[in-house]
């Protein structure tokens, strides 16, 4: 089964950012990403609004009084790109802050470029 796992490509600082999270959060997000590698969707993952369907997914993990998020794309059939990993600090509801949305859009474009380069 391990040879069927999709590889993960970390975009920008996403891997380093994840390593700074509490151990339990790293484990929970890691499990959700592993589920994505197997071609399935973890219960903690849902489509990120504003990206047209289920090609960009968001993992939400709550730990103590904090909320941690990891955003990845399953837009490509054979690879998972982790676009952004962050601790949500906004006190204005559950919406993802605009600066994070803009960063996700830039990193999604980078993932698309990397995928096209690798496909040639």
Protein backbone atom coordinates (compact mmCIF):
# COMPACT_ATOMS: atom_id res chain seq x y z
CA UNK A 1 0.00 0.00 0.00
CA UNK A 2 2.88 2.41 0.76
CA UNK A 3 3.89 2.42 -2.93
CA UNK A 4 0.43 3.82 -3.75
CA UNK A 5 0.85 6.94 -1.60
CA UNK A 6 0.92 10.26 -3.42
CA UNK A 7 4.04 12.27 -2.61
CA UNK A 8 3.72 15.52 -0.69
CA UNK A 9 5.37 18.70 -1.96
CA UNK A 10 5.66 21.50 0.59
CA UNK A 11 5.31 25.00 -0.86
CA UNK A 12 7.01 27.99 0.74
CA UNK A 13 7.43 27.80 4.51
CA UNK A 14 4.56 25.33 5.04
CA UNK A 15 6.70 22.44 6.33
CA UNK A 16 8.74 24.66 8.66
CA UNK A 17 5.53 26.27 9.93
CA UNK A 18 4.00 22.86 10.69
CA UNK A 19 7.11 21.82 12.66
CA UNK A 20 6.56 24.82 14.97
CA UNK A 21 3.09 23.57 16.02
CA UNK A 22 2.38 21.55 19.19
CA UNK A 23 3.09 17.83 18.85
CA UNK A 24 -0.59 16.80 18.93
CA UNK A 25 -1.46 19.30 16.19
CA UNK A 26 1.43 18.03 14.02
CA UNK A 27 0.17 14.50 14.52
CA UNK A 28 -3.45 15.38 13.68
CA UNK A 29 -2.52 17.33 10.54
CA UNK A 30 -0.06 14.61 9.54
CA UNK A 31 -2.80 11.99 9.81
CA UNK A 32 -5.14 14.08 7.65
CA UNK A 33 -2.40 14.56 5.03
CA UNK A 34 -1.68 10.82 5.07
CA UNK A 35 -5.37 10.19 4.39
CA UNK A 36 -5.13 12.59 1.42
CA UNK A 37 -2.04 10.72 0.18
CA UNK A 38 -4.18 7.58 0.08
CA UNK A 39 -6.72 9.39 -2.11
CA UNK A 40 -9.30 9.86 0.61
CA UNK A 41 -10.59 12.83 2.61
CA UNK A 42 -10.03 13.00 6.36
CA UNK A 43 -13.02 14.12 8.48
CA UNK A 44 -10.94 17.14 9.59
CA UNK A 45 -10.57 18.33 5.97
CA UNK A 46 -13.13 20.34 4.04
CA UNK A 47 -13.09 22.39 0.83
CA UNK A 48 -11.70 25.89 1.33
CA UNK A 49 -14.31 28.43 0.29
CA UNK A 50 -13.48 30.68 -2.62
CA UNK A 51 -11.42 28.14 -4.59
CA UNK A 52 -14.17 26.58 -6.69
CA UNK A 53 -15.07 23.16 -5.39
CA UNK A 54 -13.00 20.58 -3.59
CA UNK A 55 -9.61 21.02 -5.27
CA UNK A 56 -8.22 23.12 -2.38
CA UNK A 57 -8.79 21.55 1.02
CA UNK A 58 -8.39 22.93 4.53
CA UNK A 59 -7.57 20.88 7.62
CA UNK A 60 -8.75 22.51 10.83
CA UNK A 61 -7.36 21.38 14.17
CA UNK A 62 -8.24 22.90 17.51
CA UNK A 63 -5.79 22.51 20.38
CA UNK A 64 -6.17 24.16 23.77
CA UNK A 65 -7.78 27.49 22.85
CA UNK A 66 -6.05 27.83 19.47
CA UNK A 67 -7.03 26.92 15.92
CA UNK A 68 -4.46 25.56 13.48
CA UNK A 69 -4.98 25.16 9.76
CA UNK A 70 -3.24 23.44 6.89
CA UNK A 71 -4.27 24.05 3.28
CA UNK A 72 -3.43 21.63 0.49
CA UNK A 73 -4.52 20.93 -3.06
CA UNK A 74 -5.65 17.69 -4.63
CA UNK A 75 -5.97 19.39 -8.01
CA UNK A 76 -3.34 17.03 -9.43
CA UNK A 77 -4.00 13.29 -9.52
CA UNK A 78 -0.55 12.08 -8.50
CA UNK A 79 0.77 14.60 -5.94
CA UNK A 80 -0.38 16.58 -2.88
CA UNK A 81 0.86 20.17 -2.61
CA UNK A 82 0.72 21.66 0.90
CA UNK A 83 0.16 25.36 0.25
CA UNK A 84 -0.04 26.99 3.66
CA UNK A 85 0.09 26.02 7.34
CA UNK A 86 -0.83 28.60 9.95
CA UNK A 87 -2.33 29.35 13.34
CA UNK A 88 -5.52 31.32 12.95
CA UNK A 89 -5.36 34.37 15.16
CA UNK A 90 -8.27 36.45 13.91
CA UNK A 91 -10.98 37.05 16.46
CA UNK A 92 -13.53 37.90 13.77
CA UNK A 93 -15.34 34.62 13.21
CA UNK A 94 -14.18 31.52 11.40
CA UNK A 95 -13.35 33.06 8.02
CA UNK A 96 -9.80 32.67 6.78
CA UNK A 97 -8.06 36.09 6.87
CA UNK A 98 -7.66 37.77 3.47
CA UNK A 99 -3.85 37.90 3.74
CA UNK A 100 -3.81 34.11 4.14
CA UNK A 101 -6.19 33.66 1.18
CA UNK A 102 -3.89 35.78 -0.99
CA UNK A 103 -0.86 33.72 0.10
CA UNK A 104 -2.74 30.50 -0.67
CA UNK A 105 -3.61 31.82 -4.15
CA UNK A 106 0.05 32.69 -4.84
CA UNK A 107 1.24 29.30 -3.62
CA UNK A 108 -1.45 27.49 -5.63
CA UNK A 109 -0.15 29.26 -8.76
CA UNK A 110 3.38 28.14 -7.80
CA UNK A 111 2.17 24.54 -7.34
CA UNK A 112 0.52 24.65 -10.78
CA UNK A 113 3.76 25.94 -12.31
CA UNK A 114 5.82 23.22 -10.55
CA UNK A 115 3.38 20.55 -11.67
CA UNK A 116 3.53 21.71 -15.31
CA UNK A 117 7.35 21.74 -15.18
CA UNK A 118 7.39 18.22 -13.74
CA UNK A 119 4.91 16.94 -16.33
CA UNK A 120 7.01 17.97 -19.32
